[in-house]
Amino acid sequence: GSNRAGEYIYSRGSANGKRVQANLGAKNH
């Protein structure tokens, strides 16, 4: 999903001791 949601899920999930795989947005040229 989006960068904002992914960063939130990754940081909070990791802090809870979970393995988190987060695929975020991109800017392609």
All heavy atoms as atom14 arrays in JSON, in Angstrom:
{
  "sequence": "GSNRAGEYIYSRGSANGKRVQANLGAKNH",
  "atom14_mask": [
    [1, 1, 1, 1, 0, 0, 0, 0, 0, 0, 0, 0, 0, 0],
    [1, 1, 1, 1, 1, 1, 0, 0, 0, 0, 0, 0, 0, 0],
    [1, 1, 1, 1, 1, 1, 1, 1, 0, 0, 0, 0, 0, 0],
    [1, 1, 1, 1, 1, 1, 1, 1, 1, 1, 1, 0, 0, 0],
    [1, 1, 1, 1, 1, 0, 0, 0, 0, 0, 0, 0, 0, 0],
    [1, 1, 1, 1, 0, 0, 0, 0, 0, 0, 0, 0, 0, 0],
    [1, 1, 1, 1, 1, 1, 1, 1, 1, 0, 0, 0, 0, 0],
    [1, 1, 1, 1, 1, 1, 1, 1, 1, 1, 1, 1, 0, 0],
    [1, 1, 1, 1, 1, 1, 1, 1, 0, 0, 0, 0, 0, 0],
    [1, 1, 1, 1, 1, 1, 1, 1, 1, 1, 1, 1, 0, 0],
    [1, 1, 1, 1, 1, 1, 0, 0, 0, 0, 0, 0, 0, 0],
    [1, 1, 1, 1, 1, 1, 1, 1, 1, 1, 1, 0, 0, 0],
    [1, 1, 1, 1, 0, 0, 0, 0, 0, 0, 0, 0, 0, 0],
    [1, 1, 1, 1, 1, 1, 0, 0, 0, 0, 0, 0, 0, 0],
    [1, 1, 1, 1, 1, 0, 0, 0, 0, 0, 0, 0, 0, 0],
    [1, 1, 1, 1, 1, 1, 1, 1, 0, 0, 0, 0, 0, 0],
    [1, 1, 1, 1, 0, 0, 0, 0, 0, 0, 0, 0, 0, 0],
    [1, 1, 1, 1, 1, 1, 1, 1, 1, 0, 0, 0, 0, 0],
    [1, 1, 1, 1, 1, 1, 1, 1, 1, 1, 1, 0, 0, 0],
    [1, 1, 1, 1, 1, 1, 1, 0, 0, 0, 0, 0, 0, 0],
    [1, 1, 1, 1, 1, 1, 1, 1, 1, 0, 0, 0, 0, 0],
    [1, 1, 1, 1, 1, 0, 0, 0, 0, 0, 0, 0, 0, 0],
    [1, 1, 1, 1, 1, 1, 1, 1, 0, 0, 0, 0, 0, 0],
    [1, 1, 1, 1, 1, 1, 1, 1, 0, 0, 0, 0, 0, 0],
    [1, 1, 1, 1, 0, 0, 0, 0, 0, 0, 0, 0, 0, 0],
    [1, 1, 1, 1, 1, 0, 0, 0, 0, 0, 0, 0, 0, 0],
    [1, 1, 1, 1, 1, 1, 1, 1, 1, 0, 0, 0, 0, 0],
    [1, 1, 1, 1, 1, 1, 1, 1, 0, 0, 0, 0, 0, 0],
    [1, 1, 1, 1, 1, 1, 1, 1, 1, 1, 0, 0, 0, 0]
  ],
  "atom14_positions": [
    [[0.81, -1.21, 0.0], [0.0, 0.0, 0.0], [0.85, 1.26, 0.0], [2.0, 1.26, -0.46], [0.0, 0.0, 0.0], [0.0, 0.0, 0.0], [0.0, 0.0, 0.0], [0.0, 0.0, 0.0], [0.0, 0.0, 0.0], [0.0, 0.0, 0.0], [0.0, 0.0, 0.0], [0.0, 0.0, 0.0], [0.0, 0.0, 0.0], [0.0, 0.0, 0.0]],
    [[0.28, 2.3, 0.55], [0.92, 3.62, 0.48], [2.1, 3.72, 1.43], [2.24, 2.95, 2.39], [-0.1, 4.7, 0.84], [-0.42, 4.64, 2.22], [0.0, 0.0, 0.0], [0.0, 0.0, 0.0], [0.0, 0.0, 0.0], [0.0, 0.0, 0.0], [0.0, 0.0, 0.0], [0.0, 0.0, 0.0], [0.0, 0.0, 0.0], [0.0, 0.0, 0.0]],
    [[2.96, 4.71, 1.18], [4.12, 4.94, 2.03], [3.71, 5.25, 3.46], [4.28, 4.72, 4.42], [4.95, 6.1, 1.48], [5.7, 5.71, 0.21], [5.43, 4.68, -0.39], [6.62, 6.55, -0.2], [0.0, 0.0, 0.0], [0.0, 0.0, 0.0], [0.0, 0.0, 0.0], [0.0, 0.0, 0.0], [0.0, 0.0, 0.0], [0.0, 0.0, 0.0]],
    [[2.72, 6.14, 3.6], [2.33, 6.57, 4.94], [1.83, 5.4, 5.78], [2.26, 5.2, 6.92], [1.25, 7.65, 4.83], [0.77, 8.18, 6.17], [-0.3, 9.24, 5.97], [-0.82, 9.72, 7.24], [-1.82, 10.59, 7.36], [-2.4, 11.08, 6.28], [-2.24, 10.98, 8.55], [0.0, 0.0, 0.0], [0.0, 0.0, 0.0], [0.0, 0.0, 0.0]],
    [[0.93, 4.61, 5.21], [0.4, 3.46, 5.95], [1.48, 2.42, 6.18], [1.58, 1.84, 7.27], [-0.77, 2.85, 5.18], [0.0, 0.0, 0.0], [0.0, 0.0, 0.0], [0.0, 0.0, 0.0], [0.0, 0.0, 0.0], [0.0, 0.0, 0.0], [0.0, 0.0, 0.0], [0.0, 0.0, 0.0], [0.0, 0.0, 0.0], [0.0, 0.0, 0.0]],
    [[2.32, 2.18, 5.16], [3.35, 1.16, 5.29], [4.38, 1.48, 6.35], [4.81, 0.6, 7.11], [0.0, 0.0, 0.0], [0.0, 0.0, 0.0], [0.0, 0.0, 0.0], [0.0, 0.0, 0.0], [0.0, 0.0, 0.0], [0.0, 0.0, 0.0], [0.0, 0.0, 0.0], [0.0, 0.0, 0.0], [0.0, 0.0, 0.0], [0.0, 0.0, 0.0]],
    [[4.79, 2.73, 6.42], [5.77, 3.13, 7.43], [5.18, 2.97, 8.83], [5.88, 2.55, 9.77], [6.2, 4.57, 7.18], [7.08, 4.72, 5.94], [7.27, 6.17, 5.52], [6.72, 7.06, 6.22], [7.94, 6.41, 4.5], [0.0, 0.0, 0.0], [0.0, 0.0, 0.0], [0.0, 0.0, 0.0], [0.0, 0.0, 0.0], [0.0, 0.0, 0.0]],
    [[3.9, 3.3, 8.97], [3.22, 3.16, 10.26], [3.13, 1.69, 10.66], [3.48, 1.31, 11.8], [1.82, 3.78, 10.16], [0.93, 3.5, 11.34], [1.12, 4.15, 12.55], [-0.12, 2.58, 11.24], [0.29, 3.89, 13.64], [-0.95, 2.31, 12.31], [-0.74, 2.97, 13.51], [-1.55, 2.72, 14.58], [0.0, 0.0, 0.0], [0.0, 0.0, 0.0]],
    [[2.69, 0.85, 9.74], [2.54, -0.57, 10.04], [3.9, -1.21, 10.34], [4.03, -2.01, 11.28], [1.84, -1.28, 8.86], [0.37, -0.83, 8.78], [1.92, -2.8, 9.0], [-0.33, -1.22, 7.5], [0.0, 0.0, 0.0], [0.0, 0.0, 0.0], [0.0, 0.0, 0.0], [0.0, 0.0, 0.0], [0.0, 0.0, 0.0], [0.0, 0.0, 0.0]],
    [[4.9, -0.83, 9.56], [6.23, -1.42, 9.76], [6.8, -1.04, 11.13], [7.31, -1.9, 11.87], [7.18, -0.96, 8.65], [8.56, -1.56, 8.76], [8.82, -2.83, 8.25], [9.59, -0.88, 9.4], [10.08, -3.39, 8.36], [10.85, -1.43, 9.51], [11.09, -2.69, 8.99], [12.33, -3.25, 9.11], [0.0, 0.0, 0.0], [0.0, 0.0, 0.0]],
    [[6.73, 0.24, 11.48], [7.33, 0.68, 12.73], [6.57, 0.13, 13.94], [7.19, -0.38, 14.89], [7.39, 2.21, 12.78], [6.1, 2.77, 12.67], [0.0, 0.0, 0.0], [0.0, 0.0, 0.0], [0.0, 0.0, 0.0], [0.0, 0.0, 0.0], [0.0, 0.0, 0.0], [0.0, 0.0, 0.0], [0.0, 0.0, 0.0], [0.0, 0.0, 0.0]],
    [[5.26, 0.22, 13.91], [4.48, -0.26, 15.07], [4.5, -1.78, 15.15], [4.62, -2.35, 16.25], [3.05, 0.27, 14.97], [2.17, -0.08, 16.15], [0.93, 0.79, 16.19], [-0.08, 0.29, 17.1], [-1.21, 0.92, 17.38], [-1.47, 2.09, 16.81], [-2.1, 0.41, 18.22], [0.0, 0.0, 0.0], [0.0, 0.0, 0.0], [0.0, 0.0, 0.0]],
    [[4.39, -2.46, 14.0], [4.43, -3.92, 14.02], [5.77, -4.45, 14.48], [5.85, -5.39, 15.27], [0.0, 0.0, 0.0], [0.0, 0.0, 0.0], [0.0, 0.0, 0.0], [0.0, 0.0, 0.0], [0.0, 0.0, 0.0], [0.0, 0.0, 0.0], [0.0, 0.0, 0.0], [0.0, 0.0, 0.0], [0.0, 0.0, 0.0], [0.0, 0.0, 0.0]],
    [[6.85, -3.84, 13.99], [8.19, -4.27, 14.4], [8.41, -4.03, 15.89], [9.04, -4.85, 16.58], [9.25, -3.53, 13.59], [9.13, -3.81, 12.21], [0.0, 0.0, 0.0], [0.0, 0.0, 0.0], [0.0, 0.0, 0.0], [0.0, 0.0, 0.0], [0.0, 0.0, 0.0], [0.0, 0.0, 0.0], [0.0, 0.0, 0.0], [0.0, 0.0, 0.0]],
    [[7.9, -2.91, 16.39], [8.03, -2.61, 17.82], [7.31, -3.65, 18.67], [7.69, -3.9, 19.82], [7.48, -1.22, 18.11], [0.0, 0.0, 0.0], [0.0, 0.0, 0.0], [0.0, 0.0, 0.0], [0.0, 0.0, 0.0], [0.0, 0.0, 0.0], [0.0, 0.0, 0.0], [0.0, 0.0, 0.0], [0.0, 0.0, 0.0], [0.0, 0.0, 0.0]],
    [[6.28, -4.28, 18.09], [5.55, -5.34, 18.79], [6.19, -6.71, 18.6], [5.61, -7.73, 19.01], [4.1, -5.38, 18.31], [3.28, -4.24, 18.86], [3.57, -3.72, 19.94], [2.24, -3.83, 18.14], [0.0, 0.0, 0.0], [0.0, 0.0, 0.0], [0.0, 0.0, 0.0], [0.0, 0.0, 0.0], [0.0, 0.0, 0.0], [0.0, 0.0, 0.0]],
    [[7.36, -6.74, 17.97], [8.08, -8.0, 17.82], [7.64, -8.86, 16.65], [8.01, -10.04, 16.56], [0.0, 0.0, 0.0], [0.0, 0.0, 0.0], [0.0, 0.0, 0.0], [0.0, 0.0, 0.0], [0.0, 0.0, 0.0], [0.0, 0.0, 0.0], [0.0, 0.0, 0.0], [0.0, 0.0, 0.0], [0.0, 0.0, 0.0], [0.0, 0.0, 0.0]],
    [[6.89, -8.29, 15.72], [6.42, -9.06, 14.57], [7.39, -8.92, 13.39], [8.09, -7.91, 13.27], [5.03, -8.56, 14.11], [3.95, -8.63, 15.19], [2.63, -8.15, 14.62], [1.59, -7.97, 15.72], [1.26, -9.19, 16.42], [0.0, 0.0, 0.0], [0.0, 0.0, 0.0], [0.0, 0.0, 0.0], [0.0, 0.0, 0.0], [0.0, 0.0, 0.0]],
    [[7.39, -9.92, 12.54], [8.06, -9.78, 11.26], [7.12, -9.01, 10.33], [5.96, -9.4, 10.17], [8.37, -11.15, 10.66], [9.27, -12.01, 11.53], [9.65, -13.29, 10.8], [10.38, -14.19, 11.67], [10.93, -15.34, 11.26], [10.82, -15.7, 9.99], [11.58, -16.1, 12.11], [0.0, 0.0, 0.0], [0.0, 0.0, 0.0], [0.0, 0.0, 0.0]],
    [[7.6, -7.94, 9.74], [6.75, -7.11, 8.88], [7.41, -6.95, 7.51], [8.57, -6.55, 7.41], [6.5, -5.71, 9.5], [5.57, -4.9, 8.6], [5.91, -5.84, 10.89], [0.0, 0.0, 0.0], [0.0, 0.0, 0.0], [0.0, 0.0, 0.0], [0.0, 0.0, 0.0], [0.0, 0.0, 0.0], [0.0, 0.0, 0.0], [0.0, 0.0, 0.0]],
    [[6.65, -7.29, 6.51], [7.07, -7.09, 5.12], [6.18, -5.99, 4.55], [4.97, -6.15, 4.47], [6.9, -8.38, 4.33], [7.08, -8.24, 2.83], [6.82, -9.54, 2.12], [7.69, -10.39, 2.06], [5.62, -9.72, 1.59], [0.0, 0.0, 0.0], [0.0, 0.0, 0.0], [0.0, 0.0, 0.0], [0.0, 0.0, 0.0], [0.0, 0.0, 0.0]],
    [[6.75, -4.86, 4.18], [5.96, -3.71, 3.72], [6.42, -3.29, 2.33], [7.57, -2.88, 2.14], [6.09, -2.55, 4.7], [0.0, 0.0, 0.0], [0.0, 0.0, 0.0], [0.0, 0.0, 0.0], [0.0, 0.0, 0.0], [0.0, 0.0, 0.0], [0.0, 0.0, 0.0], [0.0, 0.0, 0.0], [0.0, 0.0, 0.0], [0.0, 0.0, 0.0]],
    [[5.52, -3.42, 1.37], [5.78, -2.98, 0.0], [5.05, -1.65, -0.2], [3.81, -1.62, -0.21], [5.27, -4.02, -1.0], [6.02, -5.33, -0.87], [7.09, -5.49, -1.42], [5.44, -6.27, -0.14], [0.0, 0.0, 0.0], [0.0, 0.0, 0.0], [0.0, 0.0, 0.0], [0.0, 0.0, 0.0], [0.0, 0.0, 0.0], [0.0, 0.0, 0.0]],
    [[5.8, -0.57, -0.39], [5.21, 0.77, -0.4], [5.11, 1.31, -1.82], [5.28, 0.61, -2.8], [6.04, 1.69, 0.49], [6.38, 1.14, 1.88], [7.09, 2.19, 2.71], [5.14, 0.65, 2.6], [0.0, 0.0, 0.0], [0.0, 0.0, 0.0], [0.0, 0.0, 0.0], [0.0, 0.0, 0.0], [0.0, 0.0, 0.0], [0.0, 0.0, 0.0]],
    [[4.81, 2.6, -1.91], [4.63, 3.24, -3.21], [5.95, 3.45, -3.93], [7.03, 3.12, -3.44], [0.0, 0.0, 0.0], [0.0, 0.0, 0.0], [0.0, 0.0, 0.0], [0.0, 0.0, 0.0], [0.0, 0.0, 0.0], [0.0, 0.0, 0.0], [0.0, 0.0, 0.0], [0.0, 0.0, 0.0], [0.0, 0.0, 0.0], [0.0, 0.0, 0.0]],
    [[5.85, 4.03, -5.12], [7.05, 4.24, -5.93], [6.84, 5.45, -6.84], [5.72, 5.88, -7.08], [7.36, 3.01, -6.78], [0.0, 0.0, 0.0], [0.0, 0.0, 0.0], [0.0, 0.0, 0.0], [0.0, 0.0, 0.0], [0.0, 0.0, 0.0], [0.0, 0.0, 0.0], [0.0, 0.0, 0.0], [0.0, 0.0, 0.0], [0.0, 0.0, 0.0]],
    [[7.94, 5.99, -7.3], [7.91, 7.09, -8.28], [8.79, 6.64, -9.43], [10.02, 6.57, -9.3], [8.45, 8.37, -7.65], [8.23, 9.61, -8.5], [6.76, 10.0, -8.52], [6.54, 11.33, -9.21], [5.1, 11.66, -9.29], [0.0, 0.0, 0.0], [0.0, 0.0, 0.0], [0.0, 0.0, 0.0], [0.0, 0.0, 0.0], [0.0, 0.0, 0.0]],
    [[8.17, 6.32, -10.56], [8.9, 5.69, -11.65], [9.18, 6.66, -12.8], [8.31, 7.42, -13.22], [8.09, 4.5, -12.18], [7.82, 3.5, -11.07], [8.73, 3.0, -10.44], [6.55, 3.23, -10.82], [0.0, 0.0, 0.0], [0.0, 0.0, 0.0], [0.0, 0.0, 0.0], [0.0, 0.0, 0.0], [0.0, 0.0, 0.0], [0.0, 0.0, 0.0]],
    [[10.41, 6.61, -13.27], [10.86, 7.48, -14.36], [11.28, 6.62, -15.55], [11.77, 5.5, -15.38], [12.06, 8.33, -13.93], [11.77, 9.29, -12.82], [11.31, 8.89, -11.59], [11.88, 10.65, -12.77], [11.14, 9.96, -10.82], [11.48, 11.03, -11.51], [0.0, 0.0, 0.0], [0.0, 0.0, 0.0], [0.0, 0.0, 0.0], [0.0, 0.0, 0.0]]
  ]
}
